[in-house]
Amino acid sequence: PFRIRLHVSLAVRWLLPKLSDFYLGHPDIALSIETVATEVVEPADDSDAYILYLNEPSRDPACLALFEEALVPVCAPGLSGLSSMDDLVRFALLHRSADQQAWIAWLSANHGKPLAAYRHIPFNLDELALDAAARGLGVAVTDMTLAEESIQRGVLVVPFGEALKTGGNYSLCLQSSAKAHPACSRVLQWFAEQAGQGAGKIL
């Protein structure tokens, strides 16, 4: 198998919904998906590639930018009384990481109140924060691409506000040994196609 290491939330929210398309086009290739729950995805000797978050685009030719980060608030469709920034103080902010940086950045860009003005429920994964949001526990801020499938299915909605492009991106990076893998070029081509499909979306 071609072994890919990535964050669990990215695997569940972005890669997993695309795997049926991959296997339809590449029935002879097996992908081995290894997930980690740490905030930083470290390369491992037993992987061919890894997907990680970068604060800015990489100049490394072995790294392929998949999509840019664009932060949006999301909540359950039935969360009543939430239509503007002023309403937000009545709901819990769901955090995807201990540093609460996503909410800090989004509130600042959208003229929100200081973080201390709100109620908070902390998590350590996007996946947990988004599931909590879908269950009506509050409002999460996440990357638009990670929330896209849930929004399309009507499980989550963007109640208001503008998406915040942070300048960061998620990139697929090859290990030096990956080029010797017989499936490497075709796997890389498929990921490049996924990146191209996302390039035209308005976030």
C-alpha atoms as a PDB file:
ATOM      1  CA  PRO A   1       0.000   0.000   0.000  1.00  0.00           C
ATOM      2  CA  PHE A   2       0.910   3.671  -0.397  1.00  0.00           C
ATOM      3  CA  ARG A   3       1.057   4.893   3.208  1.00  0.00           C
ATOM      4  CA  ILE A   4      -0.248   8.356   4.108  1.00  0.00           C
ATOM      5  CA  ARG A   5      -0.033   9.911   7.566  1.00  0.00           C
ATOM      6  CA  LEU A   6      -2.372  12.790   8.497  1.00  0.00           C
ATOM      7  CA  HIS A   7      -4.441  14.366  11.246  1.00  0.00           C
ATOM      8  CA  VAL A   8      -7.555  12.394  12.194  1.00  0.00           C
ATOM      9  CA  SER A   9      -9.918  15.340  11.580  1.00  0.00           C
ATOM     10  CA  LEU A  10      -8.514  15.873   8.095  1.00  0.00           C
ATOM     11  CA  ALA A  11      -8.845  12.173   7.342  1.00  0.00           C
ATOM     12  CA  VAL A  12     -12.486  12.017   8.444  1.00  0.00           C
ATOM     13  CA  ARG A  13     -13.633  15.371   7.091  1.00  0.00           C
ATOM     14  CA  TRP A  14     -11.660  15.704   3.842  1.00  0.00           C
ATOM     15  CA  LEU A  15     -10.004  12.501   2.662  1.00  0.00           C
ATOM     16  CA  LEU A  16     -12.544   9.832   3.610  1.00  0.00           C
ATOM     17  CA  PRO A  17     -15.404  11.338   1.533  1.00  0.00           C
ATOM     18  CA  LYS A  18     -13.078  11.263  -1.505  1.00  0.00           C
ATOM     19  CA  LEU A  19     -11.786   7.706  -1.198  1.00  0.00           C
ATOM     20  CA  SER A  20     -14.575   6.094  -3.213  1.00  0.00           C
ATOM     21  CA  ASP A  21     -13.559   8.319  -6.135  1.00  0.00           C
ATOM     22  CA  PHE A  22      -9.933   7.304  -5.701  1.00  0.00           C
ATOM     23  CA  TYR A  23     -10.672   3.578  -5.722  1.00  0.00           C
ATOM     24  CA  LEU A  24     -13.015   3.871  -8.710  1.00  0.00           C
ATOM     25  CA  GLY A  25     -10.127   5.275 -10.710  1.00  0.00           C
ATOM     26  CA  HIS A  26      -7.355   3.220  -9.110  1.00  0.00           C
ATOM     27  CA  PRO A  27      -8.727  -0.197  -8.108  1.00  0.00           C
ATOM     28  CA  ASP A  28      -5.222  -1.677  -8.197  1.00  0.00           C
ATOM     29  CA  ILE A  29      -3.766   0.729  -5.606  1.00  0.00           C
ATOM     30  CA  ALA A  30      -4.272   0.401  -1.857  1.00  0.00           C
ATOM     31  CA  LEU A  31      -3.930   3.450   0.375  1.00  0.00           C
ATOM     32  CA  SER A  32      -2.940   2.855   3.978  1.00  0.00           C
ATOM     33  CA  ILE A  33      -4.269   5.755   6.058  1.00  0.00           C
ATOM     34  CA  GLU A  34      -2.593   6.405   9.404  1.00  0.00           C
ATOM     35  CA  THR A  35      -4.123   9.118  11.565  1.00  0.00           C
ATOM     36  CA  VAL A  36      -2.658  11.082  14.458  1.00  0.00           C
ATOM     37  CA  ALA A  37      -4.414  13.302  16.984  1.00  0.00           C
ATOM     38  CA  THR A  38      -1.454  15.572  17.738  1.00  0.00           C
ATOM     39  CA  GLU A  39      -1.637  19.149  16.473  1.00  0.00           C
ATOM     40  CA  VAL A  40       1.554  18.712  14.432  1.00  0.00           C
ATOM     41  CA  VAL A  41       1.817  15.759  12.042  1.00  0.00           C
ATOM     42  CA  GLU A  42       5.362  14.469  12.266  1.00  0.00           C
ATOM     43  CA  PRO A  43       6.886  12.499   9.360  1.00  0.00           C
ATOM     44  CA  ALA A  44       7.401   8.810  10.119  1.00  0.00           C
ATOM     45  CA  ASP A  45       9.808   6.276   8.600  1.00  0.00           C
ATOM     46  CA  ASP A  46       6.952   3.878   7.917  1.00  0.00           C
ATOM     47  CA  SER A  47       4.963   6.336   5.750  1.00  0.00           C
ATOM     48  CA  ASP A  48       5.349   7.354   2.109  1.00  0.00           C
ATOM     49  CA  ALA A  49       3.688  10.748   2.474  1.00  0.00           C
ATOM     50  CA  TYR A  50       2.100  12.937   5.103  1.00  0.00           C
ATOM     51  CA  ILE A  51      -0.384  15.799   5.043  1.00  0.00           C
ATOM     52  CA  LEU A  52       0.287  18.706   7.338  1.00  0.00           C
ATOM     53  CA  TYR A  53      -0.783  22.260   8.034  1.00  0.00           C
ATOM     54  CA  LEU A  54       1.673  24.964   6.974  1.00  0.00           C
ATOM     55  CA  ASN A  55       1.506  28.594   8.035  1.00  0.00           C
ATOM     56  CA  GLU A  56       2.595  29.616   4.535  1.00  0.00           C
ATOM     57  CA  PRO A  57       3.090  27.873   1.171  1.00  0.00           C
ATOM     58  CA  SER A  58       6.107  25.576   0.983  1.00  0.00           C
ATOM     59  CA  ARG A  59       8.807  26.007  -1.659  1.00  0.00           C
ATOM     60  CA  ASP A  60       9.748  22.358  -1.322  1.00  0.00           C
ATOM     61  CA  PRO A  61       9.008  20.611  -4.660  1.00  0.00           C
ATOM     62  CA  ALA A  62       8.132  17.477  -2.675  1.00  0.00           C
ATOM     63  CA  CYS A  63       5.125  19.296  -1.151  1.00  0.00           C
ATOM     64  CA  LEU A  64       1.809  19.750  -2.974  1.00  0.00           C
ATOM     65  CA  ALA A  65      -0.581  22.416  -1.623  1.00  0.00           C
ATOM     66  CA  LEU A  66      -4.048  20.850  -1.352  1.00  0.00           C
ATOM     67  CA  PHE A  67      -6.201  23.750  -0.127  1.00  0.00           C
ATOM     68  CA  GLU A  68      -5.910  27.083   1.645  1.00  0.00           C
ATOM     69  CA  GLU A  69      -7.317  27.527   5.128  1.00  0.00           C
ATOM     70  CA  ALA A  70     -10.447  29.681   5.331  1.00  0.00           C
ATOM     71  CA  LEU A  71     -12.081  29.858   8.772  1.00  0.00           C
ATOM     72  CA  VAL A  72     -15.866  30.057   9.123  1.00  0.00           C
ATOM     73  CA  PRO A  73     -18.310  29.668  12.031  1.00  0.00           C
ATOM     74  CA  VAL A  74     -20.628  26.657  11.828  1.00  0.00           C
ATOM     75  CA  CYS A  75     -23.541  25.436  13.914  1.00  0.00           C
ATOM     76  CA  ALA A  76     -26.573  23.157  13.804  1.00  0.00           C
ATOM     77  CA  PRO A  77     -29.356  24.326  11.433  1.00  0.00           C
ATOM     78  CA  GLY A  78     -31.883  24.383  14.283  1.00  0.00           C
ATOM     79  CA  LEU A  79     -29.867  26.692  16.547  1.00  0.00           C
ATOM     80  CA  SER A  80     -32.451  29.468  16.908  1.00  0.00           C
ATOM     81  CA  GLY A  81     -31.716  33.071  17.686  1.00  0.00           C
ATOM     82  CA  LEU A  82     -28.324  33.169  15.978  1.00  0.00           C
ATOM     83  CA  SER A  83     -28.191  35.532  13.025  1.00  0.00           C
ATOM     84  CA  SER A  84     -25.540  38.140  13.848  1.00  0.00           C
ATOM     85  CA  MET A  85     -22.355  38.768  15.787  1.00  0.00           C
ATOM     86  CA  ASP A  86     -24.399  40.339  18.588  1.00  0.00           C
ATOM     87  CA  ASP A  87     -26.252  37.054  19.119  1.00  0.00           C
ATOM     88  CA  LEU A  88     -23.034  35.073  19.516  1.00  0.00           C
ATOM     89  CA  VAL A  89     -22.597  35.957  23.205  1.00  0.00           C
ATOM     90  CA  ARG A  90     -25.607  33.766  24.033  1.00  0.00           C
ATOM     91  CA  PHE A  91     -23.948  30.612  22.689  1.00  0.00           C
ATOM     92  CA  ALA A  92     -20.888  28.588  23.656  1.00  0.00           C
ATOM     93  CA  LEU A  93     -17.829  28.862  21.442  1.00  0.00           C
ATOM     94  CA  LEU A  94     -16.579  25.369  20.571  1.00  0.00           C
ATOM     95  CA  HIS A  95     -12.791  25.221  20.286  1.00  0.00           C
ATOM     96  CA  ARG A  96     -10.778  22.775  18.195  1.00  0.00           C
ATOM     97  CA  SER A  97      -7.513  23.328  20.078  1.00  0.00           C
ATOM     98  CA  ALA A  98      -6.321  24.418  23.492  1.00  0.00           C
ATOM     99  CA  ASP A  99      -4.853  27.690  22.223  1.00  0.00           C
ATOM    100  CA  GLN A 100      -8.293  28.845  20.945  1.00  0.00           C
ATOM    101  CA  GLN A 101      -6.423  30.585  18.130  1.00  0.00           C
ATOM    102  CA  ALA A 102      -9.028  29.910  15.435  1.00  0.00           C
ATOM    103  CA  TRP A 103     -11.734  31.779  17.321  1.00  0.00           C
ATOM    104  CA  ILE A 104      -9.332  34.560  18.335  1.00  0.00           C
ATOM    105  CA  ALA A 105      -8.371  35.167  14.700  1.00  0.00           C
ATOM    106  CA  TRP A 106     -11.929  34.936  13.353  1.00  0.00           C
ATOM    107  CA  LEU A 107     -13.439  37.224  16.005  1.00  0.00           C
ATOM    108  CA  SER A 108     -10.729  39.811  15.434  1.00  0.00           C
ATOM    109  CA  ALA A 109     -11.262  39.790  11.656  1.00  0.00           C
ATOM    110  CA  ASN A 110     -15.058  40.006  11.996  1.00  0.00           C
ATOM    111  CA  HIS A 111     -15.193  42.710  14.677  1.00  0.00           C
ATOM    112  CA  GLY A 112     -16.288  40.424  17.486  1.00  0.00           C
ATOM    113  CA  LYS A 113     -15.934  40.990  21.198  1.00  0.00           C
ATOM    114  CA  PRO A 114     -12.828  39.890  23.150  1.00  0.00           C
ATOM    115  CA  LEU A 115     -12.673  36.169  23.872  1.00  0.00           C
ATOM    116  CA  ALA A 116     -13.453  36.738  27.570  1.00  0.00           C
ATOM    117  CA  ALA A 117     -16.936  37.985  26.655  1.00  0.00           C
ATOM    118  CA  TYR A 118     -18.022  34.514  25.517  1.00  0.00           C
ATOM    119  CA  ARG A 119     -18.723  31.107  27.037  1.00  0.00           C
ATOM    120  CA  HIS A 120     -16.375  28.300  25.942  1.00  0.00           C
ATOM    121  CA  ILE A 121     -16.338  24.523  25.462  1.00  0.00           C
ATOM    122  CA  PRO A 122     -12.812  23.298  24.596  1.00  0.00           C
ATOM    123  CA  PHE A 123     -11.880  20.266  22.501  1.00  0.00           C
ATOM    124  CA  ASN A 124      -8.585  19.154  20.970  1.00  0.00           C
ATOM    125  CA  LEU A 125      -9.861  18.086  17.527  1.00  0.00           C
ATOM    126  CA  ASP A 126     -11.800  19.732  14.707  1.00  0.00           C
ATOM    127  CA  GLU A 127     -13.770  16.491  14.471  1.00  0.00           C
ATOM    128  CA  LEU A 128     -14.992  16.779  18.064  1.00  0.00           C
ATOM    129  CA  ALA A 129     -15.804  20.487  17.815  1.00  0.00           C
ATOM    130  CA  LEU A 130     -17.754  19.956  14.578  1.00  0.00           C
ATOM    131  CA  ASP A 131     -19.696  17.009  15.973  1.00  0.00           C
ATOM    132  CA  ALA A 132     -20.538  19.075  19.062  1.00  0.00           C
ATOM    133  CA  ALA A 133     -21.712  21.905  16.800  1.00  0.00           C
ATOM    134  CA  ALA A 134     -23.928  19.508  14.817  1.00  0.00           C
ATOM    135  CA  ARG A 135     -25.485  18.380  18.117  1.00  0.00           C
ATOM    136  CA  GLY A 136     -26.418  21.948  19.017  1.00  0.00           C
ATOM    137  CA  LEU A 137     -23.878  22.514  21.796  1.00  0.00           C
ATOM    138  CA  GLY A 138     -22.694  25.824  20.347  1.00  0.00           C
ATOM    139  CA  VAL A 139     -20.781  27.364  17.468  1.00  0.00           C
ATOM    140  CA  ALA A 140     -17.454  26.100  16.133  1.00  0.00           C
ATOM    141  CA  VAL A 141     -14.934  27.842  13.915  1.00  0.00           C
ATOM    142  CA  THR A 142     -13.254  25.550  11.420  1.00  0.00           C
ATOM    143  CA  ASP A 143     -11.808  25.434   7.948  1.00  0.00           C
ATOM    144  CA  MET A 144     -14.492  25.708   5.274  1.00  0.00           C
ATOM    145  CA  THR A 145     -13.098  22.710   3.407  1.00  0.00           C
ATOM    146  CA  LEU A 146     -13.336  20.496   6.487  1.00  0.00           C
ATOM    147  CA  ALA A 147     -16.955  21.505   7.067  1.00  0.00           C
ATOM    148  CA  GLU A 148     -17.965  21.387   3.392  1.00  0.00           C
ATOM    149  CA  GLU A 149     -19.505  17.909   3.282  1.00  0.00           C
ATOM    150  CA  SER A 150     -21.501  18.483   6.495  1.00  0.00           C
ATOM    151  CA  ILE A 151     -22.775  21.780   5.091  1.00  0.00           C
ATOM    152  CA  GLN A 152     -23.794  20.098   1.841  1.00  0.00           C
ATOM    153  CA  ARG A 153     -25.666  17.403   3.786  1.00  0.00           C
ATOM    154  CA  GLY A 154     -27.430  20.051   5.872  1.00  0.00           C
ATOM    155  CA  VAL A 155     -25.861  18.880   9.140  1.00  0.00           C
ATOM    156  CA  LEU A 156     -24.078  22.213   9.641  1.00  0.00           C
ATOM    157  CA  VAL A 157     -24.724  25.762   8.451  1.00  0.00           C
ATOM    158  CA  VAL A 158     -22.686  28.968   8.361  1.00  0.00           C
ATOM    159  CA  PRO A 159     -24.943  31.334  10.322  1.00  0.00           C
ATOM    160  CA  PHE A 160     -23.243  34.634   9.405  1.00  0.00           C
ATOM    161  CA  GLY A 161     -19.884  36.319   8.955  1.00  0.00           C
ATOM    162  CA  GLU A 162     -17.124  36.309   6.366  1.00  0.00           C
ATOM    163  CA  ALA A 163     -14.626  33.528   5.811  1.00  0.00           C
ATOM    164  CA  LEU A 164     -11.150  34.384   7.063  1.00  0.00           C
ATOM    165  CA  LYS A 165      -8.268  33.331   4.836  1.00  0.00           C
ATOM    166  CA  THR A 166      -5.367  32.873   7.221  1.00  0.00           C
ATOM    167  CA  GLY A 167      -2.623  32.361   4.648  1.00  0.00           C
ATOM    168  CA  GLY A 168      -2.093  28.812   5.887  1.00  0.00           C
ATOM    169  CA  ASN A 169      -2.642  25.697   3.819  1.00  0.00           C
ATOM    170  CA  TYR A 170      -2.781  21.928   4.004  1.00  0.00           C
ATOM    171  CA  SER A 171      -0.103  20.203   1.929  1.00  0.00           C
ATOM    172  CA  LEU A 172       0.776  16.662   0.916  1.00  0.00           C
ATOM    173  CA  CYS A 173       4.515  16.088   1.352  1.00  0.00           C
ATOM    174  CA  LEU A 174       6.403  13.082   0.033  1.00  0.00           C
ATOM    175  CA  GLN A 175       9.056  11.207   1.947  1.00  0.00           C
ATOM    176  CA  SER A 176      12.329  10.910   0.020  1.00  0.00           C
ATOM    177  CA  SER A 177      11.738   7.163  -0.359  1.00  0.00           C
ATOM    178  CA  ALA A 178       8.237   7.604  -1.827  1.00  0.00           C
ATOM    179  CA  LYS A 179       9.420   8.135  -5.389  1.00  0.00           C
ATOM    180  CA  ALA A 180      10.483   4.500  -5.522  1.00  0.00           C
ATOM    181  CA  HIS A 181       6.918   3.374  -4.803  1.00  0.00           C
ATOM    182  CA  PRO A 182       5.294   2.112  -8.035  1.00  0.00           C
ATOM    183  CA  ALA A 183       2.031   3.952  -7.296  1.00  0.00           C
ATOM    184  CA  CYS A 184       3.595   7.274  -6.278  1.00  0.00           C
ATOM    185  CA  SER A 185       3.039   9.213  -9.517  1.00  0.00           C
ATOM    186  CA  ARG A 186      -0.594   8.160  -9.830  1.00  0.00           C
ATOM    187  CA  VAL A 187      -1.375   8.906  -6.176  1.00  0.00           C
ATOM    188  CA  LEU A 188       0.255  12.307  -6.489  1.00  0.00           C
ATOM    189  CA  GLN A 189      -1.691  13.021  -9.692  1.00  0.00           C
ATOM    190  CA  TRP A 190      -4.983  12.197  -7.958  1.00  0.00           C
ATOM    191  CA  PHE A 191      -4.198  14.507  -5.059  1.00  0.00           C
ATOM    192  CA  ALA A 192      -3.240  17.240  -7.537  1.00  0.00           C
ATOM    193  CA  GLU A 193      -6.665  16.815  -9.165  1.00  0.00           C
ATOM    194  CA  GLN A 194      -8.361  17.214  -5.787  1.00  0.00           C
ATOM    195  CA  ALA A 195      -6.360  20.377  -5.182  1.00  0.00           C
ATOM    196  CA  GLY A 196      -7.377  21.695  -8.622  1.00  0.00           C
ATOM    197  CA  GLN A 197     -11.057  21.060  -7.933  1.00  0.00           C
ATOM    198  CA  GLY A 198     -10.857  23.097  -4.751  1.00  0.00           C
ATOM    199  CA  ALA A 199      -8.931  25.972  -6.316  1.00  0.00           C
ATOM    200  CA  GLY A 200     -12.001  27.516  -7.918  1.00  0.00           C
ATOM    201  CA  LYS A 201     -14.241  27.495  -4.856  1.00  0.00           C
ATOM    202  CA  ILE A 202     -15.224  30.804  -3.296  1.00  0.00           C
ATOM    203  CA  LEU A 203     -14.526  30.623   0.401  1.00  0.00           C
END
